[in-house]
mmCIF file of all heavy atoms, coordinates in Angstrom:
data_MODEL
# 
_entry.id   MODEL 
# 
loop_
_atom_site.group_PDB 
_atom_site.id 
_atom_site.type_symbol 
_atom_site.label_atom_id 
_atom_site.label_alt_id 
_atom_site.label_comp_id 
_atom_site.label_asym_id 
_atom_site.label_entity_id 
_atom_site.label_seq_id 
_atom_site.pdbx_PDB_ins_code 
_atom_site.Cartn_x 
_atom_site.Cartn_y 
_atom_site.Cartn_z 
_atom_site.occupancy 
_atom_site.B_iso_or_equiv 
_atom_site.pdbx_formal_charge 
_atom_site.auth_seq_id 
_atom_site.auth_comp_id 
_atom_site.auth_asym_id 
_atom_site.auth_atom_id 
_atom_site.pdbx_PDB_model_num 
ATOM 1   N N   . LEU A 1 1  ? -221.777 99.387  22.349 1.00 0.00 ? 1  LEU A N   1 
ATOM 2   C CA  . LEU A 1 1  ? -220.760 100.088 21.566 1.00 0.00 ? 1  LEU A CA  1 
ATOM 3   C C   . LEU A 1 1  ? -219.598 100.530 22.462 1.00 0.00 ? 1  LEU A C   1 
ATOM 4   O O   . LEU A 1 1  ? -219.798 101.106 23.538 1.00 0.00 ? 1  LEU A O   1 
ATOM 5   C CB  . LEU A 1 1  ? -221.381 101.304 20.882 1.00 0.00 ? 1  LEU A CB  1 
ATOM 6   C CG  . LEU A 1 1  ? -220.624 101.839 19.667 1.00 0.00 ? 1  LEU A CG  1 
ATOM 7   C CD1 . LEU A 1 1  ? -220.612 100.810 18.550 1.00 0.00 ? 1  LEU A CD1 1 
ATOM 8   C CD2 . LEU A 1 1  ? -221.259 103.135 19.174 1.00 0.00 ? 1  LEU A CD2 1 
ATOM 9   N N   . ARG A 1 2  ? -218.394 100.262 21.982 1.00 0.00 ? 2  ARG A N   1 
ATOM 10  C CA  . ARG A 1 2  ? -217.177 100.641 22.705 1.00 0.00 ? 2  ARG A CA  1 
ATOM 11  C C   . ARG A 1 2  ? -216.183 101.252 21.727 1.00 0.00 ? 2  ARG A C   1 
ATOM 12  O O   . ARG A 1 2  ? -216.014 100.768 20.617 1.00 0.00 ? 2  ARG A O   1 
ATOM 13  C CB  . ARG A 1 2  ? -216.537 99.424  23.391 1.00 0.00 ? 2  ARG A CB  1 
ATOM 14  C CG  . ARG A 1 2  ? -217.434 98.763  24.418 1.00 0.00 ? 2  ARG A CG  1 
ATOM 15  C CD  . ARG A 1 2  ? -216.765 97.552  25.080 1.00 0.00 ? 2  ARG A CD  1 
ATOM 16  N NE  . ARG A 1 2  ? -217.694 96.906  25.990 1.00 0.00 ? 2  ARG A NE  1 
ATOM 17  C CZ  . ARG A 1 2  ? -217.920 97.278  27.240 1.00 0.00 ? 2  ARG A CZ  1 
ATOM 18  N NH1 . ARG A 1 2  ? -217.231 98.300  27.739 1.00 0.00 ? 2  ARG A NH1 1 
ATOM 19  N NH2 . ARG A 1 2  ? -218.796 96.653  27.991 1.00 0.00 ? 2  ARG A NH2 1 
ATOM 20  N N   . VAL A 1 3  ? -215.532 102.315 22.200 1.00 0.00 ? 3  VAL A N   1 
ATOM 21  C CA  . VAL A 1 3  ? -214.426 102.917 21.459 1.00 0.00 ? 3  VAL A CA  1 
ATOM 22  C C   . VAL A 1 3  ? -213.311 103.184 22.458 1.00 0.00 ? 3  VAL A C   1 
ATOM 23  O O   . VAL A 1 3  ? -213.505 103.931 23.431 1.00 0.00 ? 3  VAL A O   1 
ATOM 24  C CB  . VAL A 1 3  ? -214.825 104.238 20.768 1.00 0.00 ? 3  VAL A CB  1 
ATOM 25  C CG1 . VAL A 1 3  ? -213.620 104.830 20.036 1.00 0.00 ? 3  VAL A CG1 1 
ATOM 26  C CG2 . VAL A 1 3  ? -215.977 104.025 19.794 1.00 0.00 ? 3  VAL A CG2 1 
ATOM 27  N N   . ALA A 1 4  ? -212.176 102.567 22.245 1.00 0.00 ? 4  ALA A N   1 
ATOM 28  C CA  . ALA A 1 4  ? -211.017 102.766 23.117 1.00 0.00 ? 4  ALA A CA  1 
ATOM 29  C C   . ALA A 1 4  ? -209.854 103.275 22.284 1.00 0.00 ? 4  ALA A C   1 
ATOM 30  O O   . ALA A 1 4  ? -209.620 102.806 21.171 1.00 0.00 ? 4  ALA A O   1 
ATOM 31  C CB  . ALA A 1 4  ? -210.651 101.457 23.814 1.00 0.00 ? 4  ALA A CB  1 
ATOM 32  N N   . PHE A 1 5  ? -209.151 104.239 22.844 1.00 0.00 ? 5  PHE A N   1 
ATOM 33  C CA  . PHE A 1 5  ? -207.973 104.792 22.181 1.00 0.00 ? 5  PHE A CA  1 
ATOM 34  C C   . PHE A 1 5  ? -206.723 104.344 22.928 1.00 0.00 ? 5  PHE A C   1 
ATOM 35  O O   . PHE A 1 5  ? -206.729 104.260 24.161 1.00 0.00 ? 5  PHE A O   1 
ATOM 36  C CB  . PHE A 1 5  ? -208.041 106.317 22.145 1.00 0.00 ? 5  PHE A CB  1 
ATOM 37  C CG  . PHE A 1 5  ? -209.198 106.850 21.353 1.00 0.00 ? 5  PHE A CG  1 
ATOM 38  C CD1 . PHE A 1 5  ? -210.242 107.541 21.964 1.00 0.00 ? 5  PHE A CD1 1 
ATOM 39  C CD2 . PHE A 1 5  ? -209.266 106.655 19.982 1.00 0.00 ? 5  PHE A CD2 1 
ATOM 40  C CE1 . PHE A 1 5  ? -211.306 108.039 21.238 1.00 0.00 ? 5  PHE A CE1 1 
ATOM 41  C CE2 . PHE A 1 5  ? -210.333 107.144 19.232 1.00 0.00 ? 5  PHE A CE2 1 
ATOM 42  C CZ  . PHE A 1 5  ? -211.352 107.839 19.862 1.00 0.00 ? 5  PHE A CZ  1 
ATOM 43  N N   . PRO A 1 6  ? -205.641 104.052 22.203 1.00 0.00 ? 6  PRO A N   1 
ATOM 44  C CA  . PRO A 1 6  ? -204.419 103.580 22.870 1.00 0.00 ? 6  PRO A CA  1 
ATOM 45  C C   . PRO A 1 6  ? -203.933 104.558 23.930 1.00 0.00 ? 6  PRO A C   1 
ATOM 46  O O   . PRO A 1 6  ? -204.039 105.785 23.769 1.00 0.00 ? 6  PRO A O   1 
ATOM 47  C CB  . PRO A 1 6  ? -203.414 103.474 21.713 1.00 0.00 ? 6  PRO A CB  1 
ATOM 48  C CG  . PRO A 1 6  ? -204.248 103.350 20.485 1.00 0.00 ? 6  PRO A CG  1 
ATOM 49  C CD  . PRO A 1 6  ? -205.491 104.144 20.747 1.00 0.00 ? 6  PRO A CD  1 
ATOM 50  N N   . GLY A 1 7  ? -203.439 104.005 25.031 1.00 0.00 ? 7  GLY A N   1 
ATOM 51  C CA  . GLY A 1 7  ? -202.940 104.846 26.107 1.00 0.00 ? 7  GLY A CA  1 
ATOM 52  C C   . GLY A 1 7  ? -201.619 105.508 25.741 1.00 0.00 ? 7  GLY A C   1 
ATOM 53  O O   . GLY A 1 7  ? -200.908 105.085 24.821 1.00 0.00 ? 7  GLY A O   1 
ATOM 54  N N   . ARG A 1 8  ? -201.304 106.554 26.451 1.00 0.00 ? 8  ARG A N   1 
ATOM 55  C CA  . ARG A 1 8  ? -200.049 107.260 26.217 1.00 0.00 ? 8  ARG A CA  1 
ATOM 56  C C   . ARG A 1 8  ? -198.890 106.482 26.829 1.00 0.00 ? 8  ARG A C   1 
ATOM 57  O O   . ARG A 1 8  ? -198.972 106.023 27.968 1.00 0.00 ? 8  ARG A O   1 
ATOM 58  C CB  . ARG A 1 8  ? -200.119 108.660 26.836 1.00 0.00 ? 8  ARG A CB  1 
ATOM 59  C CG  . ARG A 1 8  ? -201.189 109.550 26.215 1.00 0.00 ? 8  ARG A CG  1 
ATOM 60  C CD  . ARG A 1 8  ? -201.240 110.886 26.921 1.00 0.00 ? 8  ARG A CD  1 
ATOM 61  N NE  . ARG A 1 8  ? -202.280 111.750 26.362 1.00 0.00 ? 8  ARG A NE  1 
ATOM 62  C CZ  . ARG A 1 8  ? -202.607 112.944 26.857 1.00 0.00 ? 8  ARG A CZ  1 
ATOM 63  N NH1 . ARG A 1 8  ? -201.963 113.405 27.924 1.00 0.00 ? 8  ARG A NH1 1 
ATOM 64  N NH2 . ARG A 1 8  ? -203.559 113.666 26.301 1.00 0.00 ? 8  ARG A NH2 1 
ATOM 65  N N   . ARG A 1 9  ? -197.828 106.359 26.062 1.00 0.00 ? 9  ARG A N   1 
ATOM 66  C CA  . ARG A 1 9  ? -196.597 105.735 26.530 1.00 0.00 ? 9  ARG A CA  1 
ATOM 67  C C   . ARG A 1 9  ? -196.851 104.363 27.154 1.00 0.00 ? 9  ARG A C   1 
ATOM 68  O O   . ARG A 1 9  ? -196.330 104.026 28.210 1.00 0.00 ? 9  ARG A O   1 
ATOM 69  C CB  . ARG A 1 9  ? -195.900 106.643 27.542 1.00 0.00 ? 9  ARG A CB  1 
ATOM 70  C CG  . ARG A 1 9  ? -195.504 108.002 26.975 1.00 0.00 ? 9  ARG A CG  1 
ATOM 71  C CD  . ARG A 1 9  ? -194.866 108.883 28.010 1.00 0.00 ? 9  ARG A CD  1 
ATOM 72  N NE  . ARG A 1 9  ? -194.543 110.204 27.458 1.00 0.00 ? 9  ARG A NE  1 
ATOM 73  C CZ  . ARG A 1 9  ? -194.039 111.199 28.190 1.00 0.00 ? 9  ARG A CZ  1 
ATOM 74  N NH1 . ARG A 1 9  ? -193.807 111.029 29.472 1.00 0.00 ? 9  ARG A NH1 1 
ATOM 75  N NH2 . ARG A 1 9  ? -193.771 112.364 27.606 1.00 0.00 ? 9  ARG A NH2 1 
ATOM 76  N N   . GLY A 1 10 ? -197.711 103.604 26.484 1.00 0.00 ? 10 GLY A N   1 
ATOM 77  C CA  . GLY A 1 10 ? -197.983 102.251 26.947 1.00 0.00 ? 10 GLY A CA  1 
ATOM 78  C C   . GLY A 1 10 ? -198.932 102.151 28.112 1.00 0.00 ? 10 GLY A C   1 
ATOM 79  O O   . GLY A 1 10 ? -199.124 101.063 28.688 1.00 0.00 ? 10 GLY A O   1 
ATOM 80  N N   . GLY A 1 11 ? -199.570 103.259 28.491 1.00 0.00 ? 11 GLY A N   1 
ATOM 81  C CA  . GLY A 1 11 ? -200.524 103.246 29.603 1.00 0.00 ? 11 GLY A CA  1 
ATOM 82  C C   . GLY A 1 11 ? -201.842 102.617 29.198 1.00 0.00 ? 11 GLY A C   1 
ATOM 83  O O   . GLY A 1 11 ? -202.036 102.188 28.052 1.00 0.00 ? 11 GLY A O   1 
ATOM 84  N N   . PRO A 1 12 ? -202.812 102.569 30.134 1.00 0.00 ? 12 PRO A N   1 
ATOM 85  C CA  . PRO A 1 12 ? -204.098 101.949 29.835 1.00 0.00 ? 12 PRO A CA  1 
ATOM 86  C C   . PRO A 1 12 ? -204.856 102.706 28.755 1.00 0.00 ? 12 PRO A C   1 
ATOM 87  O O   . PRO A 1 12 ? -204.714 103.921 28.601 1.00 0.00 ? 12 PRO A O   1 
ATOM 88  C CB  . PRO A 1 12 ? -204.836 102.001 31.180 1.00 0.00 ? 12 PRO A CB  1 
ATOM 89  C CG  . PRO A 1 12 ? -204.169 103.075 31.963 1.00 0.00 ? 12 PRO A CG  1 
ATOM 90  C CD  . PRO A 1 12 ? -202.740 103.080 31.522 1.00 0.00 ? 12 PRO A CD  1 
ATOM 91  N N   . ALA A 1 13 ? -205.656 101.972 27.993 1.00 0.00 ? 13 ALA A N   1 
ATOM 92  C CA  . ALA A 1 13 ? -206.451 102.581 26.919 1.00 0.00 ? 13 ALA A CA  1 
ATOM 93  C C   . ALA A 1 13 ? -207.512 103.510 27.502 1.00 0.00 ? 13 ALA A C   1 
ATOM 94  O O   . ALA A 1 13 ? -208.055 103.275 28.583 1.00 0.00 ? 13 ALA A O   1 
ATOM 95  C CB  . ALA A 1 13 ? -207.113 101.496 26.079 1.00 0.00 ? 13 ALA A CB  1 
ATOM 96  N N   . ALA A 1 14 ? -207.782 104.573 26.776 1.00 0.00 ? 14 ALA A N   1 
ATOM 97  C CA  . ALA A 1 14 ? -208.849 105.503 27.165 1.00 0.00 ? 14 ALA A CA  1 
ATOM 98  C C   . ALA A 1 14 ? -210.177 104.972 26.652 1.00 0.00 ? 14 ALA A C   1 
ATOM 99  O O   . ALA A 1 14 ? -210.364 104.831 25.440 1.00 0.00 ? 14 ALA A O   1 
ATOM 100 C CB  . ALA A 1 14 ? -208.565 106.888 26.595 1.00 0.00 ? 14 ALA A CB  1 
ATOM 101 N N   . ARG A 1 15 ? -211.104 104.685 27.551 1.00 0.00 ? 15 ARG A N   1 
ATOM 102 C CA  . ARG A 1 15 ? -212.412 104.123 27.192 1.00 0.00 ? 15 ARG A CA  1 
ATOM 103 C C   . ARG A 1 15 ? -213.389 105.271 26.915 1.00 0.00 ? 15 ARG A C   1 
ATOM 104 O O   . ARG A 1 15 ? -214.219 105.624 27.744 1.00 0.00 ? 15 ARG A O   1 
ATOM 105 C CB  . ARG A 1 15 ? -212.901 103.219 28.315 1.00 0.00 ? 15 ARG A CB  1 
ATOM 106 C CG  . ARG A 1 15 ? -212.073 101.950 28.431 1.00 0.00 ? 15 ARG A CG  1 
ATOM 107 C CD  . ARG A 1 15 ? -211.924 101.430 29.846 1.00 0.00 ? 15 ARG A CD  1 
ATOM 108 N NE  . ARG A 1 15 ? -213.198 101.152 30.497 1.00 0.00 ? 15 ARG A NE  1 
ATOM 109 C CZ  . ARG A 1 15 ? -213.302 100.724 31.769 1.00 0.00 ? 15 ARG A CZ  1 
ATOM 110 N NH1 . ARG A 1 15 ? -212.213 100.533 32.493 1.00 0.00 ? 15 ARG A NH1 1 
ATOM 111 N NH2 . ARG A 1 15 ? -214.482 100.484 32.296 1.00 0.00 ? 15 ARG A NH2 1 
ATOM 112 N N   . ALA A 1 16 ? -213.271 105.849 25.721 1.00 0.00 ? 16 ALA A N   1 
ATOM 113 C CA  . ALA A 1 16 ? -214.063 107.029 25.388 1.00 0.00 ? 16 ALA A CA  1 
ATOM 114 C C   . ALA A 1 16 ? -215.548 106.706 25.307 1.00 0.00 ? 16 ALA A C   1 
ATOM 115 O O   . ALA A 1 16 ? -216.404 107.512 25.698 1.00 0.00 ? 16 ALA A O   1 
ATOM 116 C CB  . ALA A 1 16 ? -213.589 107.623 24.072 1.00 0.00 ? 16 ALA A CB  1 
ATOM 117 N N   . VAL A 1 17 ? -215.889 105.556 24.737 1.00 0.00 ? 17 VAL A N   1 
ATOM 118 C CA  . VAL A 1 17 ? -217.266 105.040 24.718 1.00 0.00 ? 17 VAL A CA  1 
ATOM 119 C C   . VAL A 1 17 ? -217.181 103.647 25.312 1.00 0.00 ? 17 VAL A C   1 
ATOM 120 O O   . VAL A 1 17 ? -216.439 102.803 24.812 1.00 0.00 ? 17 VAL A O   1 
ATOM 121 C CB  . VAL A 1 17 ? -217.838 105.010 23.283 1.00 0.00 ? 17 VAL A CB  1 
ATOM 122 C CG1 . VAL A 1 17 ? -219.254 104.435 23.281 1.00 0.00 ? 17 VAL A CG1 1 
ATOM 123 C CG2 . VAL A 1 17 ? -217.823 106.402 22.666 1.00 0.00 ? 17 VAL A CG2 1 
ATOM 124 N N   . ASP A 1 18 ? -217.945 103.423 26.387 1.00 0.00 ? 18 ASP A N   1 
ATOM 125 C CA  . ASP A 1 18 ? -217.670 102.260 27.222 1.00 0.00 ? 18 ASP A CA  1 
ATOM 126 C C   . ASP A 1 18 ? -218.918 101.401 27.446 1.00 0.00 ? 18 ASP A C   1 
ATOM 127 O O   . ASP A 1 18 ? -219.364 101.212 28.576 1.00 0.00 ? 18 ASP A O   1 
ATOM 128 C CB  . ASP A 1 18 ? -217.097 102.730 28.558 1.00 0.00 ? 18 ASP A CB  1 
ATOM 129 C CG  . ASP A 1 18 ? -216.485 101.597 29.371 1.00 0.00 ? 18 ASP A CG  1 
ATOM 130 O OD1 . ASP A 1 18 ? -216.135 100.560 28.781 1.00 0.00 ? 18 ASP A OD1 1 
ATOM 131 O OD2 . ASP A 1 18 ? -216.374 101.762 30.598 1.00 0.00 ? 18 ASP A OD2 1 
ATOM 132 N N   . GLY A 1 19 ? -219.485 100.904 26.336 1.00 0.00 ? 19 GLY A N   1 
ATOM 133 C CA  . GLY A 1 19 ? -220.660 100.047 26.452 1.00 0.00 ? 19 GLY A CA  1 
ATOM 134 C C   . GLY A 1 19 ? -221.933 100.866 26.398 1.00 0.00 ? 19 GLY A C   1 
ATOM 135 O O   . GLY A 1 19 ? -222.545 101.156 27.426 1.00 0.00 ? 19 GLY A O   1 
ATOM 136 N N   . VAL A 1 20 ? -222.333 101.273 25.204 1.00 0.00 ? 20 VAL A N   1 
ATOM 137 C CA  . VAL A 1 20 ? -223.499 102.147 25.025 1.00 0.00 ? 20 VAL A CA  1 
ATOM 138 C C   . VAL A 1 20 ? -224.536 101.443 24.165 1.00 0.00 ? 20 VAL A C   1 
ATOM 139 O O   . VAL A 1 20 ? -224.213 100.905 23.099 1.00 0.00 ? 20 VAL A O   1 
ATOM 140 C CB  . VAL A 1 20 ? -223.097 103.489 24.377 1.00 0.00 ? 20 VAL A CB  1 
ATOM 141 C CG1 . VAL A 1 20 ? -224.331 104.238 23.868 1.00 0.00 ? 20 VAL A CG1 1 
ATOM 142 C CG2 . VAL A 1 20 ? -222.333 104.350 25.368 1.00 0.00 ? 20 VAL A CG2 1 
ATOM 143 N N   . ASP A 1 21 ? -225.774 101.444 24.635 1.00 0.00 ? 21 ASP A N   1 
ATOM 144 C CA  . ASP A 1 21 ? -226.936 101.055 23.844 1.00 0.00 ? 21 ASP A CA  1 
ATOM 145 C C   . ASP A 1 21 ? -227.732 102.326 23.554 1.00 0.00 ? 21 ASP A C   1 
ATOM 146 O O   . ASP A 1 21 ? -228.024 103.094 24.476 1.00 0.00 ? 21 ASP A O   1 
ATOM 147 C CB  . ASP A 1 21 ? -227.833 100.075 24.592 1.00 0.00 ? 21 ASP A CB  1 
ATOM 148 C CG  . ASP A 1 21 ? -227.191 98.706  24.791 1.00 0.00 ? 21 ASP A CG  1 
ATOM 149 O OD1 . ASP A 1 21 ? -226.086 98.485  24.273 1.00 0.00 ? 21 ASP A OD1 1 
ATOM 150 O OD2 . ASP A 1 21 ? -227.815 97.863  25.472 1.00 0.00 ? 21 ASP A OD2 1 
ATOM 151 N N   . LEU A 1 22 ? -228.083 102.546 22.302 1.00 0.00 ? 22 LEU A N   1 
ATOM 152 C CA  . LEU A 1 22 ? -228.822 103.751 21.941 1.00 0.00 ? 22 LEU A CA  1 
ATOM 153 C C   . LEU A 1 22 ? -229.627 103.493 20.683 1.00 0.00 ? 22 LEU A C   1 
ATOM 154 O O   . LEU A 1 22 ? -229.108 102.908 19.729 1.00 0.00 ? 22 LEU A O   1 
ATOM 155 C CB  . LEU A 1 22 ? -227.858 104.921 21.713 1.00 0.00 ? 22 LEU A CB  1 
ATOM 156 C CG  . LEU A 1 22 ? -228.490 106.283 21.397 1.00 0.00 ? 22 LEU A CG  1 
ATOM 157 C CD1 . LEU A 1 22 ? -229.270 106.809 22.591 1.00 0.00 ? 22 LEU A CD1 1 
ATOM 158 C CD2 . LEU A 1 22 ? -227.418 107.292 20.973 1.00 0.00 ? 22 LEU A CD2 1 
ATOM 159 N N   . ASP A 1 23 ? -230.889 103.925 20.687 1.00 0.00 ? 23 ASP A N   1 
ATOM 160 C CA  . ASP A 1 23 ? -231.755 103.837 19.506 1.00 0.00 ? 23 ASP A CA  1 
ATOM 161 C C   . ASP A 1 23 ? -232.207 105.227 19.098 1.00 0.00 ? 23 ASP A C   1 
ATOM 162 O O   . ASP A 1 23 ? -232.449 106.093 19.948 1.00 0.00 ? 23 ASP A O   1 
ATOM 163 C CB  . ASP A 1 23 ? -233.014 103.001 19.796 1.00 0.00 ? 23 ASP A CB  1 
ATOM 164 C CG  . ASP A 1 23 ? -232.709 101.525 19.987 1.00 0.00 ? 23 ASP A CG  1 
ATOM 165 O OD1 . ASP A 1 23 ? -231.616 101.087 19.583 1.00 0.00 ? 23 ASP A OD1 1 
ATOM 166 O OD2 . ASP A 1 23 ? -233.563 100.826 20.557 1.00 0.00 ? 23 ASP A OD2 1 
ATOM 167 N N   . ILE A 1 24 ? -232.355 105.422 17.793 1.00 0.00 ? 24 ILE A N   1 
ATOM 168 C CA  . ILE A 1 24 ? -232.971 106.631 17.244 1.00 0.00 ? 24 ILE A CA  1 
ATOM 169 C C   . ILE A 1 24 ? -234.038 106.178 16.270 1.00 0.00 ? 24 ILE A C   1 
ATOM 170 O O   . ILE A 1 24 ? -233.752 105.463 15.304 1.00 0.00 ? 24 ILE A O   1 
ATOM 171 C CB  . ILE A 1 24 ? -231.944 107.524 16.528 1.00 0.00 ? 24 ILE A CB  1 
ATOM 172 C CG1 . ILE A 1 24 ? -230.811 107.910 17.485 1.00 0.00 ? 24 ILE A CG1 1 
ATOM 173 C CG2 . ILE A 1 24 ? -232.624 108.775 15.974 1.00 0.00 ? 24 ILE A CG2 1 
ATOM 174 C CD1 . ILE A 1 24 ? -229.674 108.650 16.804 1.00 0.00 ? 24 ILE A CD1 1 
ATOM 175 N N   . GLY A 1 25 ? -235.277 106.558 16.524 1.00 0.00 ? 25 GLY A N   1 
ATOM 176 C CA  . GLY A 1 25 ? -236.383 106.140 15.688 1.00 0.00 ? 25 GLY A CA  1 
ATOM 177 C C   . GLY A 1 25 ? -236.549 107.023 14.462 1.00 0.00 ? 25 GLY A C   1 
ATOM 178 O O   . GLY A 1 25 ? -235.992 108.120 14.375 1.00 0.00 ? 25 GLY A O   1 
ATOM 179 N N   . ALA A 1 26 ? -237.314 106.545 13.501 1.00 0.00 ? 26 ALA A N   1 
ATOM 180 C CA  . ALA A 1 26 ? -237.615 107.339 12.316 1.00 0.00 ? 26 ALA A CA  1 
ATOM 181 C C   . ALA A 1 26 ? -238.378 108.594 12.728 1.00 0.00 ? 26 ALA A C   1 
ATOM 182 O O   . ALA A 1 26 ? -239.346 108.528 13.480 1.00 0.00 ? 26 ALA A O   1 
ATOM 183 C CB  . ALA A 1 26 ? -238.447 106.517 11.332 1.00 0.00 ? 26 ALA A CB  1 
# 
């Protein structure tokens, strides 16, 4: 899972979530 937000003033994107594997069982 990845979530990136656009960078400020054309800068690099903020990688808020950067490749996450996660499980939640019943």
